[in-house]
Structure formats: C-alpha cells, structure tokens
Amino acid sequence: MPTRTNDRLPDAVDAILDQWARERPDLDVSPMGPIGRLKRCAALLGHHLEACFADFGLSLWEFDMLATLRRSGAPYRLSPTELFSTLMVTSGTMTHRLKRLETNGLVQRVPSALDARSMLVQLTRKGLRLINRAVEAHVENERGLLSALPATVRADLDHHLSVLLSTLEQSSSAREDPHGEAERGA
C-alpha cells in the first residue's frame, strides 16, 4: 500500500494508487502521484479560471491573447508570429482567433512601421479596457484559489514547480533538437 502522511485527507489519486498497488504490487507507481495530482489540479483550475473569464464574456484563449498583448507594453501590439509563438498555437489557429477578436472590436491589425508588407496585432481601446478589468479579477481569483495554502507552502510549491517546468522544458528542447543545435533567440 502507498504510504500517506497524516496531514491530509485521501484524494482521488490515492484511490488510483491503491488500485495499482493491489493489481501490480511489483510496480512502483509512485510517479503517478505527483503527475496525476498535477493533471487533476490543472483540470480543476481550468474550470475556475474559465468561470472568471466568462464573467467578462471571454474564453481562456481570448483572455490569453488579450493578456499577451497587454503585458507586451504600450502600444500593446505584436506580430502574429510573436503571438502564436508565445501562445503555442499554430498560425492557422491564430488567424481564426484574430478574426474573432477583430470582429468583437478587441484587437485591430495595423501596418508595421518596420516592414510595410506586414501587419501587427494591437489591442483596441475597448480591448485594453476589457483586459485591464479581467486581469484584475483573474489575479484575485487565483489568490482565492491558493488562499488555503500558507505563504511558505505557496512559495515552496512555486519553487518546486519551477524546477519541474525547467526540467521538462529542457527535456522537450532536447527531443525537438536531438543534435543539440537549439534555436538561438527563441
């Protein structure tokens, strides 16, 4: 049986680990604990985040796109390539999403001052007002979601997740470029 600490109640992942321990006692399934909990947390957090964004008539991807433009700084514009690279979506997906945000008056395409052949995506005044309000509510929502954790636990969690993320990003980069020739400036 997997060992549990006395400082928490059993969760859904514990039940899965117990089933594996019963069915495959020869297999150390302990890695399933943190991975399963991260996946379940991500799914549950996603529901809470989406509910907050819905209060502003936004979906998760719309919030992400508007927030990416907002945090880029005035004049709140980026090239479509910068946007889809940051948001990790395909250019086709980006084109579809930009059209929707344009139709809703939240972004506009403006000519690039550096290259007359290309266009940039910029927040409109309406888009800027909306994302400023939505990001304030988003931060408070996230604060509330983490409020059950003491500050030291939140800091430790952030640190450990940062280490994991760094490890996963390095592993992912190595897989994408097996010859060790990582892209420069990405």
N, C-alpha and C. Protein backbone atom coordinates (compact mmCIF):
# COMPACT_ATOMS: atom_id res chain seq x y z
N MET A 1 0.83 -1.19 0.00
CA MET A 1 0.00 0.00 0.00
C MET A 1 0.87 1.25 0.00
N PRO A 2 0.48 2.28 -0.78
CA PRO A 2 1.22 3.52 -0.74
C PRO A 2 1.12 4.15 0.65
N THR A 3 2.19 4.82 1.03
CA THR A 3 2.17 5.47 2.34
C THR A 3 1.57 6.86 2.20
N ARG A 4 0.86 7.27 3.25
CA ARG A 4 0.25 8.60 3.27
C ARG A 4 0.69 9.31 4.53
N THR A 5 0.77 10.61 4.43
CA THR A 5 1.04 11.39 5.62
C THR A 5 -0.28 11.66 6.32
N ASN A 6 -0.21 11.95 7.59
CA ASN A 6 -1.43 12.19 8.37
C ASN A 6 -1.95 13.61 8.24
N ASP A 7 -1.27 14.46 7.52
CA ASP A 7 -1.68 15.86 7.45
C ASP A 7 -2.64 16.18 6.31
N ARG A 8 -3.18 15.17 5.66
CA ARG A 8 -4.15 15.43 4.59
C ARG A 8 -5.12 14.27 4.46
N LEU A 9 -6.25 14.60 3.87
CA LEU A 9 -7.25 13.57 3.58
C LEU A 9 -6.88 12.86 2.28
N PRO A 10 -7.28 11.61 2.12
CA PRO A 10 -7.03 10.91 0.85
C PRO A 10 -7.74 11.63 -0.30
N ASP A 11 -7.13 11.60 -1.46
CA ASP A 11 -7.74 12.22 -2.64
C ASP A 11 -7.99 11.17 -3.72
N ALA A 12 -8.49 11.60 -4.86
CA ALA A 12 -8.83 10.67 -5.95
C ALA A 12 -7.59 9.94 -6.48
N VAL A 13 -6.45 10.59 -6.44
CA VAL A 13 -5.23 9.95 -6.92
C VAL A 13 -4.81 8.83 -5.97
N ASP A 14 -5.03 9.02 -4.67
CA ASP A 14 -4.73 7.95 -3.72
C ASP A 14 -5.50 6.68 -4.08
N ALA A 15 -6.76 6.82 -4.48
CA ALA A 15 -7.57 5.65 -4.85
C ALA A 15 -6.96 4.94 -6.06
N ILE A 16 -6.46 5.71 -7.01
CA ILE A 16 -5.83 5.12 -8.20
C ILE A 16 -4.55 4.39 -7.79
N LEU A 17 -3.75 5.01 -6.95
CA LEU A 17 -2.51 4.39 -6.49
C LEU A 17 -2.80 3.11 -5.71
N ASP A 18 -3.85 3.14 -4.90
CA ASP A 18 -4.23 1.93 -4.14
C ASP A 18 -4.63 0.80 -5.09
N GLN A 19 -5.36 1.13 -6.15
CA GLN A 19 -5.76 0.11 -7.12
C GLN A 19 -4.55 -0.50 -7.81
N TRP A 20 -3.60 0.34 -8.21
CA TRP A 20 -2.39 -0.18 -8.84
C TRP A 20 -1.58 -1.02 -7.87
N ALA A 21 -1.50 -0.59 -6.62
CA ALA A 21 -0.75 -1.36 -5.62
C ALA A 21 -1.36 -2.74 -5.44
N ARG A 22 -2.68 -2.80 -5.48
CA ARG A 22 -3.37 -4.08 -5.36
C ARG A 22 -3.14 -4.95 -6.60
N GLU A 23 -3.25 -4.34 -7.77
CA GLU A 23 -3.18 -5.09 -9.02
C GLU A 23 -1.76 -5.38 -9.49
N ARG A 24 -0.84 -4.47 -9.18
CA ARG A 24 0.55 -4.64 -9.61
C ARG A 24 1.50 -4.28 -8.48
N PRO A 25 1.51 -5.08 -7.41
CA PRO A 25 2.38 -4.77 -6.27
C PRO A 25 3.87 -4.77 -6.64
N ASP A 26 4.22 -5.37 -7.76
CA ASP A 26 5.61 -5.41 -8.21
C ASP A 26 6.07 -4.11 -8.87
N LEU A 27 5.13 -3.20 -9.15
CA LEU A 27 5.42 -1.99 -9.90
C LEU A 27 5.39 -0.77 -8.98
N ASP A 28 6.45 0.01 -8.99
CA ASP A 28 6.50 1.24 -8.21
C ASP A 28 5.78 2.33 -9.00
N VAL A 29 4.54 2.61 -8.60
CA VAL A 29 3.72 3.60 -9.31
C VAL A 29 3.77 4.98 -8.65
N SER A 30 4.73 5.19 -7.76
CA SER A 30 4.80 6.46 -7.04
C SER A 30 4.88 7.68 -7.96
N PRO A 31 5.51 7.61 -9.16
CA PRO A 31 5.50 8.79 -10.04
C PRO A 31 4.09 9.20 -10.47
N MET A 32 3.14 8.25 -10.43
CA MET A 32 1.76 8.59 -10.79
C MET A 32 1.14 9.58 -9.80
N GLY A 33 1.63 9.61 -8.59
CA GLY A 33 1.07 10.51 -7.58
C GLY A 33 1.19 11.97 -7.97
N PRO A 34 2.42 12.49 -8.09
CA PRO A 34 2.54 13.91 -8.44
C PRO A 34 2.01 14.24 -9.83
N ILE A 35 2.25 13.36 -10.80
CA ILE A 35 1.77 13.64 -12.16
C ILE A 35 0.24 13.66 -12.18
N GLY A 36 -0.37 12.67 -11.57
CA GLY A 36 -1.84 12.63 -11.52
C GLY A 36 -2.42 13.83 -10.80
N ARG A 37 -1.79 14.22 -9.71
CA ARG A 37 -2.29 15.40 -8.96
C ARG A 37 -2.12 16.68 -9.78
N LEU A 38 -0.99 16.81 -10.46
CA LEU A 38 -0.81 17.99 -11.32
C LEU A 38 -1.87 18.04 -12.41
N LYS A 39 -2.14 16.90 -13.04
CA LYS A 39 -3.15 16.87 -14.10
C LYS A 39 -4.54 17.20 -13.56
N ARG A 40 -4.89 16.63 -12.41
CA ARG A 40 -6.21 16.91 -11.83
C ARG A 40 -6.32 18.37 -11.38
N CYS A 41 -5.24 18.87 -10.78
CA CYS A 41 -5.22 20.29 -10.38
C CYS A 41 -5.38 21.18 -11.61
N ALA A 42 -4.66 20.88 -12.68
CA ALA A 42 -4.75 21.70 -13.90
C ALA A 42 -6.18 21.72 -14.44
N ALA A 43 -6.82 20.56 -14.46
CA ALA A 43 -8.19 20.49 -14.97
C ALA A 43 -9.14 21.29 -14.08
N LEU A 44 -9.02 21.11 -12.77
CA LEU A 44 -9.90 21.83 -11.85
C LEU A 44 -9.63 23.33 -11.86
N LEU A 45 -8.36 23.71 -11.92
CA LEU A 45 -8.02 25.13 -12.00
C LEU A 45 -8.58 25.73 -13.29
N GLY A 46 -8.49 24.97 -14.37
CA GLY A 46 -9.03 25.45 -15.64
C GLY A 46 -10.49 25.82 -15.55
N HIS A 47 -11.27 25.01 -14.85
CA HIS A 47 -12.70 25.31 -14.67
C HIS A 47 -12.89 26.61 -13.90
N HIS A 48 -12.12 26.81 -12.85
CA HIS A 48 -12.23 28.04 -12.05
C HIS A 48 -11.80 29.27 -12.86
N LEU A 49 -10.74 29.13 -13.64
CA LEU A 49 -10.27 30.25 -14.45
C LEU A 49 -11.29 30.60 -15.53
N GLU A 50 -11.81 29.58 -16.20
CA GLU A 50 -12.79 29.83 -17.25
C GLU A 50 -14.04 30.50 -16.72
N ALA A 51 -14.46 30.14 -15.50
CA ALA A 51 -15.64 30.78 -14.90
C ALA A 51 -15.37 32.26 -14.67
N CYS A 52 -14.18 32.60 -14.25
CA CYS A 52 -13.82 34.01 -14.05
C CYS A 52 -13.83 34.76 -15.38
N PHE A 53 -13.23 34.17 -16.41
CA PHE A 53 -13.17 34.83 -17.72
C PHE A 53 -14.56 34.99 -18.32
N ALA A 54 -15.43 34.02 -18.07
CA ALA A 54 -16.79 34.08 -18.60
C ALA A 54 -17.53 35.30 -18.06
N ASP A 55 -17.20 35.73 -16.86
CA ASP A 55 -17.82 36.95 -16.30
C ASP A 55 -17.54 38.17 -17.18
N PHE A 56 -16.51 38.09 -18.00
CA PHE A 56 -16.15 39.20 -18.89
C PHE A 56 -16.45 38.87 -20.35
N GLY A 57 -17.17 37.77 -20.57
CA GLY A 57 -17.50 37.36 -21.92
C GLY A 57 -16.31 36.81 -22.68
N LEU A 58 -15.31 36.31 -21.95
CA LEU A 58 -14.10 35.81 -22.58
C LEU A 58 -13.94 34.31 -22.35
N SER A 59 -13.29 33.67 -23.30
CA SER A 59 -12.87 32.28 -23.11
C SER A 59 -11.41 32.34 -22.64
N LEU A 60 -10.87 31.18 -22.28
CA LEU A 60 -9.47 31.11 -21.84
C LEU A 60 -8.52 31.62 -22.92
N TRP A 61 -8.72 31.17 -24.17
CA TRP A 61 -7.81 31.59 -25.22
C TRP A 61 -7.93 33.09 -25.51
N GLU A 62 -9.13 33.63 -25.41
CA GLU A 62 -9.29 35.07 -25.65
C GLU A 62 -8.57 35.87 -24.56
N PHE A 63 -8.74 35.42 -23.32
CA PHE A 63 -8.02 36.08 -22.23
C PHE A 63 -6.52 36.00 -22.48
N ASP A 64 -6.02 34.82 -22.82
CA ASP A 64 -4.57 34.65 -23.04
C ASP A 64 -4.06 35.57 -24.13
N MET A 65 -4.80 35.68 -25.21
CA MET A 65 -4.35 36.53 -26.31
C MET A 65 -4.36 38.01 -25.92
N LEU A 66 -5.44 38.45 -25.30
CA LEU A 66 -5.51 39.85 -24.88
C LEU A 66 -4.47 40.15 -23.81
N ALA A 67 -4.26 39.22 -22.88
CA ALA A 67 -3.27 39.42 -21.81
C ALA A 67 -1.86 39.46 -22.39
N THR A 68 -1.59 38.65 -23.41
CA THR A 68 -0.26 38.65 -24.04
C THR A 68 0.00 40.01 -24.68
N LEU A 69 -0.98 40.55 -25.36
CA LEU A 69 -0.82 41.88 -25.95
C LEU A 69 -0.66 42.94 -24.84
N ARG A 70 -1.46 42.84 -23.79
CA ARG A 70 -1.42 43.84 -22.71
C ARG A 70 -0.07 43.85 -22.02
N ARG A 71 0.46 42.68 -21.71
CA ARG A 71 1.72 42.63 -20.97
C ARG A 71 2.93 42.94 -21.85
N SER A 72 2.72 43.04 -23.17
CA SER A 72 3.82 43.43 -24.06
C SER A 72 4.17 44.90 -23.89
N GLY A 73 3.30 45.67 -23.24
CA GLY A 73 3.55 47.09 -23.01
C GLY A 73 3.02 47.95 -24.15
N ALA A 74 2.84 49.23 -23.83
CA ALA A 74 2.33 50.17 -24.83
C ALA A 74 3.25 50.15 -26.04
N PRO A 75 2.70 50.14 -27.22
CA PRO A 75 1.31 50.35 -27.63
C PRO A 75 0.49 49.07 -27.72
N TYR A 76 0.89 48.02 -27.00
CA TYR A 76 0.12 46.77 -26.90
C TYR A 76 -0.08 46.11 -28.26
N ARG A 77 1.04 45.93 -28.93
CA ARG A 77 0.98 45.29 -30.26
C ARG A 77 2.14 44.33 -30.44
N LEU A 78 1.84 43.26 -31.19
CA LEU A 78 2.83 42.24 -31.52
C LEU A 78 2.55 41.74 -32.93
N SER A 79 3.55 41.11 -33.51
CA SER A 79 3.32 40.47 -34.81
C SER A 79 2.53 39.19 -34.56
N PRO A 80 1.79 38.74 -35.56
CA PRO A 80 1.07 37.47 -35.41
C PRO A 80 2.02 36.32 -35.05
N THR A 81 3.25 36.34 -35.60
CA THR A 81 4.22 35.29 -35.28
C THR A 81 4.61 35.33 -33.81
N GLU A 82 4.84 36.52 -33.27
CA GLU A 82 5.16 36.64 -31.85
C GLU A 82 4.01 36.13 -31.00
N LEU A 83 2.81 36.44 -31.41
CA LEU A 83 1.63 35.99 -30.67
C LEU A 83 1.51 34.47 -30.69
N PHE A 84 1.56 33.86 -31.87
CA PHE A 84 1.34 32.41 -31.89
C PHE A 84 2.51 31.65 -31.29
N SER A 85 3.70 32.21 -31.32
CA SER A 85 4.84 31.57 -30.65
C SER A 85 4.68 31.61 -29.14
N THR A 86 4.26 32.75 -28.63
CA THR A 86 4.06 32.90 -27.19
C THR A 86 2.93 32.02 -26.70
N LEU A 87 1.86 31.94 -27.47
CA LEU A 87 0.67 31.20 -27.06
C LEU A 87 0.73 29.73 -27.45
N MET A 88 1.75 29.33 -28.18
CA MET A 88 1.96 27.94 -28.59
C MET A 88 0.76 27.38 -29.34
N VAL A 89 0.32 28.11 -30.35
CA VAL A 89 -0.74 27.63 -31.24
C VAL A 89 -0.23 27.73 -32.67
N THR A 90 -0.90 27.08 -33.59
CA THR A 90 -0.49 27.13 -34.99
C THR A 90 -0.89 28.46 -35.61
N SER A 91 -0.27 28.78 -36.72
CA SER A 91 -0.60 30.04 -37.40
C SER A 91 -2.05 30.01 -37.90
N GLY A 92 -2.53 28.85 -38.32
CA GLY A 92 -3.92 28.75 -38.76
C GLY A 92 -4.89 29.02 -37.62
N THR A 93 -4.60 28.46 -36.46
CA THR A 93 -5.44 28.72 -35.29
C THR A 93 -5.40 30.19 -34.94
N MET A 94 -4.19 30.78 -35.01
CA MET A 94 -4.04 32.20 -34.69
C MET A 94 -4.87 33.07 -35.62
N THR A 95 -4.86 32.76 -36.91
CA THR A 95 -5.62 33.54 -37.89
C THR A 95 -7.11 33.51 -37.54
N HIS A 96 -7.63 32.34 -37.24
CA HIS A 96 -9.04 32.19 -36.88
C HIS A 96 -9.37 33.01 -35.63
N ARG A 97 -8.52 32.91 -34.63
CA ARG A 97 -8.75 33.61 -33.36
C ARG A 97 -8.66 35.12 -33.53
N LEU A 98 -7.72 35.57 -34.32
CA LEU A 98 -7.59 37.01 -34.55
C LEU A 98 -8.84 37.57 -35.21
N LYS A 99 -9.38 36.82 -36.17
CA LYS A 99 -10.60 37.28 -36.84
C LYS A 99 -11.74 37.45 -35.84
N ARG A 100 -11.85 36.50 -34.93
CA ARG A 100 -12.93 36.59 -33.93
C ARG A 100 -12.74 37.80 -33.01
N LEU A 101 -11.51 38.03 -32.55
CA LEU A 101 -11.25 39.17 -31.68
C LEU A 101 -11.44 40.49 -32.43
N GLU A 102 -11.08 40.50 -33.71
CA GLU A 102 -11.30 41.70 -34.53
C GLU A 102 -12.79 41.97 -34.68
N THR A 103 -13.55 40.94 -34.96
CA THR A 103 -14.99 41.08 -35.12
C THR A 103 -15.63 41.65 -33.86
N ASN A 104 -15.09 41.26 -32.69
CA ASN A 104 -15.61 41.76 -31.42
C ASN A 104 -15.04 43.11 -31.02
N GLY A 105 -14.20 43.68 -31.89
CA GLY A 105 -13.64 45.02 -31.64
C GLY A 105 -12.59 45.06 -30.53
N LEU A 106 -11.96 43.94 -30.24
CA LEU A 106 -10.98 43.89 -29.15
C LEU A 106 -9.54 44.07 -29.64
N VAL A 107 -9.28 43.70 -30.89
CA VAL A 107 -7.97 43.92 -31.50
C VAL A 107 -8.16 44.48 -32.89
N GLN A 108 -7.10 45.07 -33.39
CA GLN A 108 -7.09 45.54 -34.77
C GLN A 108 -5.73 45.24 -35.37
N ARG A 109 -5.71 45.13 -36.68
CA ARG A 109 -4.43 44.93 -37.36
C ARG A 109 -3.97 46.30 -37.85
N VAL A 110 -2.70 46.57 -37.60
CA VAL A 110 -2.11 47.85 -38.00
C VAL A 110 -0.83 47.57 -38.78
N PRO A 111 -0.50 48.43 -39.74
CA PRO A 111 0.72 48.21 -40.51
C PRO A 111 1.96 48.34 -39.63
N SER A 112 2.95 47.54 -39.93
CA SER A 112 4.23 47.62 -39.20
C SER A 112 5.02 48.80 -39.72
N ALA A 113 5.58 49.58 -38.81
CA ALA A 113 6.41 50.71 -39.20
C ALA A 113 7.75 50.24 -39.77
N LEU A 114 8.16 49.03 -39.41
CA LEU A 114 9.45 48.50 -39.85
C LEU A 114 9.38 47.75 -41.17
N ASP A 115 8.20 47.23 -41.50
CA ASP A 115 8.05 46.43 -42.71
C ASP A 115 6.64 46.65 -43.27
N ALA A 116 6.56 47.43 -44.32
CA ALA A 116 5.26 47.80 -44.89
C ALA A 116 4.47 46.59 -45.39
N ARG A 117 5.13 45.47 -45.59
CA ARG A 117 4.44 44.28 -46.08
C ARG A 117 3.74 43.51 -44.96
N SER A 118 4.05 43.82 -43.71
CA SER A 118 3.48 43.03 -42.62
C SER A 118 2.57 43.86 -41.73
N MET A 119 1.70 43.15 -41.04
CA MET A 119 0.74 43.78 -40.14
C MET A 119 1.04 43.34 -38.71
N LEU A 120 0.68 44.18 -37.77
CA LEU A 120 0.80 43.86 -36.35
C LEU A 120 -0.59 43.78 -35.75
N VAL A 121 -0.70 43.08 -34.64
CA VAL A 121 -1.97 42.96 -33.93
C VAL A 121 -1.88 43.87 -32.71
N GLN A 122 -2.88 44.72 -32.55
CA GLN A 122 -2.87 45.69 -31.46
C GLN A 122 -4.20 45.69 -30.73
N LEU A 123 -4.12 45.85 -29.41
CA LEU A 123 -5.36 46.00 -28.64
C LEU A 123 -6.07 47.28 -29.04
N THR A 124 -7.37 47.24 -29.13
CA THR A 124 -8.15 48.46 -29.31
C THR A 124 -8.39 49.06 -27.92
N ARG A 125 -8.93 50.25 -27.87
CA ARG A 125 -9.27 50.84 -26.55
C ARG A 125 -10.23 49.94 -25.80
N LYS A 126 -11.22 49.42 -26.53
CA LYS A 126 -12.18 48.50 -25.92
C LYS A 126 -11.47 47.27 -25.36
N GLY A 127 -10.56 46.70 -26.14
CA GLY A 127 -9.81 45.52 -25.71
C GLY A 127 -8.94 45.81 -24.50
N LEU A 128 -8.31 46.98 -24.48
CA LEU A 128 -7.47 47.38 -23.35
C LEU A 128 -8.30 47.54 -22.08
N ARG A 129 -9.44 48.20 -22.19
CA ARG A 129 -10.31 48.36 -21.01
C ARG A 129 -10.76 46.99 -20.48
N LEU A 130 -11.15 46.12 -21.40
CA LEU A 130 -11.64 44.80 -21.01
C LEU A 130 -10.54 43.97 -20.33
N ILE A 131 -9.36 43.92 -20.92
CA ILE A 131 -8.31 43.08 -20.33
C ILE A 131 -7.82 43.67 -19.02
N ASN A 132 -7.82 44.98 -18.87
CA ASN A 132 -7.42 45.57 -17.59
C ASN A 132 -8.38 45.14 -16.47
N ARG A 133 -9.66 45.12 -16.75
CA ARG A 133 -10.63 44.68 -15.74
C ARG A 133 -10.53 43.17 -15.51
N ALA A 134 -10.41 42.42 -16.60
CA ALA A 134 -10.37 40.95 -16.49
C ALA A 134 -9.12 40.47 -15.75
N VAL A 135 -7.98 41.10 -15.99
CA VAL A 135 -6.76 40.63 -15.33
C VAL A 135 -6.80 40.93 -13.83
N GLU A 136 -7.44 42.02 -13.43
CA GLU A 136 -7.59 42.29 -12.00
C GLU A 136 -8.43 41.21 -11.33
N ALA A 137 -9.53 40.84 -11.97
CA ALA A 137 -10.39 39.78 -11.42
C ALA A 137 -9.65 38.44 -11.45
N HIS A 138 -8.88 38.20 -12.49
CA HIS A 138 -8.12 36.95 -12.63
C HIS A 138 -7.12 36.79 -11.49
N VAL A 139 -6.39 37.86 -11.18
CA VAL A 139 -5.40 37.79 -10.10
C VAL A 139 -6.09 37.52 -8.77
N GLU A 140 -7.22 38.17 -8.53
CA GLU A 140 -7.96 37.93 -7.28
C GLU A 140 -8.51 36.50 -7.24
N ASN A 141 -8.96 36.00 -8.37
CA ASN A 141 -9.44 34.62 -8.45
C ASN A 141 -8.31 33.65 -8.11
N GLU A 142 -7.15 33.86 -8.70
CA GLU A 142 -6.01 32.99 -8.41
C GLU A 142 -5.59 33.09 -6.94
N ARG A 143 -5.61 34.31 -6.40
CA ARG A 143 -5.29 34.50 -4.99
C ARG A 143 -6.25 33.67 -4.12
N GLY A 144 -7.52 33.72 -4.46
CA GLY A 144 -8.52 32.95 -3.72
C GLY A 144 -8.31 31.45 -3.85
N LEU A 145 -7.93 31.00 -5.05
CA LEU A 145 -7.70 29.57 -5.26
C LEU A 145 -6.54 29.04 -4.43
N LEU A 146 -5.57 29.90 -4.17
CA LEU A 146 -4.39 29.49 -3.40
C LEU A 146 -4.47 29.86 -1.93
N SER A 147 -5.56 30.50 -1.53
CA SER A 147 -5.65 31.05 -0.17
C SER A 147 -5.60 30.00 0.94
N ALA A 148 -5.94 28.76 0.66
CA ALA A 148 -5.89 27.73 1.68
C ALA A 148 -4.46 27.31 2.02
N LEU A 149 -3.52 27.68 1.17
CA LEU A 149 -2.13 27.32 1.39
C LEU A 149 -1.40 28.46 2.11
N PRO A 150 -0.69 28.15 3.17
CA PRO A 150 0.11 29.19 3.84
C PRO A 150 1.16 29.76 2.86
N ALA A 151 1.60 30.98 3.11
CA ALA A 151 2.54 31.66 2.21
C ALA A 151 3.81 30.84 1.97
N THR A 152 4.32 30.19 3.01
CA THR A 152 5.55 29.40 2.83
C THR A 152 5.29 28.19 1.93
N VAL A 153 4.12 27.60 2.05
CA VAL A 153 3.78 26.46 1.19
C VAL A 153 3.63 26.93 -0.26
N ARG A 154 2.97 28.09 -0.47
CA ARG A 154 2.84 28.63 -1.82
C ARG A 154 4.21 28.90 -2.43
N ALA A 155 5.13 29.47 -1.66
CA ALA A 155 6.48 29.76 -2.15
C ALA A 155 7.22 28.47 -2.48
N ASP A 156 7.11 27.48 -1.61
CA ASP A 156 7.77 26.18 -1.87
C ASP A 156 7.17 25.52 -3.10
N LEU A 157 5.85 25.55 -3.21
CA LEU A 157 5.18 24.96 -4.37
C LEU A 157 5.64 25.64 -5.65
N ASP A 158 5.68 26.96 -5.64
CA ASP A 158 6.12 27.72 -6.81
C ASP A 158 7.55 27.34 -7.19
N HIS A 159 8.41 27.24 -6.19
CA HIS A 159 9.80 26.87 -6.44
C HIS A 159 9.90 25.47 -7.06
N HIS A 160 9.24 24.52 -6.44
CA HIS A 160 9.33 23.14 -6.93
C HIS A 160 8.70 22.98 -8.32
N LEU A 161 7.61 23.66 -8.56
CA LEU A 161 7.01 23.61 -9.90
C LEU A 161 7.91 24.27 -10.94
N SER A 162 8.62 25.32 -10.53
CA SER A 162 9.56 25.98 -11.43
C SER A 162 10.70 25.04 -11.81
N VAL A 163 11.20 24.29 -10.84
CA VAL A 163 12.26 23.32 -11.12
C VAL A 163 11.74 22.24 -12.08
N LEU A 164 10.54 21.74 -11.81
CA LEU A 164 9.95 20.73 -12.69
C LEU A 164 9.75 21.29 -14.10
N LEU A 165 9.21 22.49 -14.20
CA LEU A 165 8.98 23.10 -15.50
C LEU A 165 10.28 23.27 -16.27
N SER A 166 11.32 23.73 -15.60
CA SER A 166 12.62 23.90 -16.24
C SER A 166 13.13 22.56 -16.77
N THR A 167 13.01 21.53 -15.97
CA THR A 167 13.45 20.20 -16.37
C THR A 167 12.66 19.71 -17.59
N LEU A 168 11.36 19.90 -17.55
CA LEU A 168 10.51 19.45 -18.67
C LEU A 168 10.81 20.25 -19.93
N GLU A 169 11.03 21.56 -19.78
CA GLU A 169 11.33 22.39 -20.95
C GLU A 169 12.67 21.98 -21.57
N GLN A 170 13.66 21.69 -20.74
CA GLN A 170 14.95 21.24 -21.26
C GLN A 170 14.81 19.91 -21.97
N SER A 171 14.04 19.00 -21.37
CA SER A 171 13.81 17.69 -21.98
C SER A 171 13.09 17.84 -23.31
N SER A 172 12.11 18.73 -23.34
CA SER A 172 11.34 18.96 -24.56
C SER A 172 12.24 19.54 -25.65
N SER A 173 13.09 20.49 -25.28
CA SER A 173 14.00 21.10 -26.25
C SER A 173 14.97 20.07 -26.81
N ALA A 174 15.47 19.21 -25.95
CA ALA A 174 16.40 18.17 -26.39
C ALA A 174 15.72 17.21 -27.36
N ARG A 175 14.45 16.89 -27.12
CA ARG A 175 13.71 15.99 -28.02
C ARG A 175 13.47 16.64 -29.37
N GLU A 176 13.14 17.95 -29.34
CA GLU A 176 12.87 18.65 -30.59
C GLU A 176 14.14 18.84 -31.42
N ASP A 177 15.29 18.91 -30.75
CA ASP A 177 16.55 19.14 -31.44
C ASP A 177 17.57 18.10 -30.96
N PRO A 178 17.50 16.88 -31.48
CA PRO A 178 18.35 15.80 -30.98
C PRO A 178 19.84 16.03 -31.23
N HIS A 179 20.21 16.97 -32.09
CA HIS A 179 21.62 17.21 -32.36
C HIS A 179 22.21 18.31 -31.49
N GLY A 180 21.41 18.82 -30.55
CA GLY A 180 21.92 19.84 -29.64
C GLY A 180 22.07 21.20 -30.26
N GLU A 181 21.42 21.43 -31.39
CA GLU A 181 21.51 22.71 -32.06
C GLU A 181 20.25 23.52 -31.80
N ALA A 182 20.09 23.94 -30.55
CA ALA A 182 18.90 24.68 -30.14
C ALA A 182 18.83 26.01 -30.89
N GLU A 183 17.60 26.42 -31.18
CA GLU A 183 17.40 27.71 -31.82
C GLU A 183 17.90 28.82 -30.94
N ARG A 184 18.57 29.78 -31.53
CA ARG A 184 19.05 30.93 -30.78
C ARG A 184 17.98 32.00 -30.74
N GLY A 185 17.87 32.69 -29.62
CA GLY A 185 16.97 33.82 -29.52
C GLY A 185 15.50 33.47 -29.38
N ALA A 186 15.18 32.22 -29.15
CA ALA A 186 13.76 31.83 -29.04
C ALA A 186 13.18 32.27 -27.72
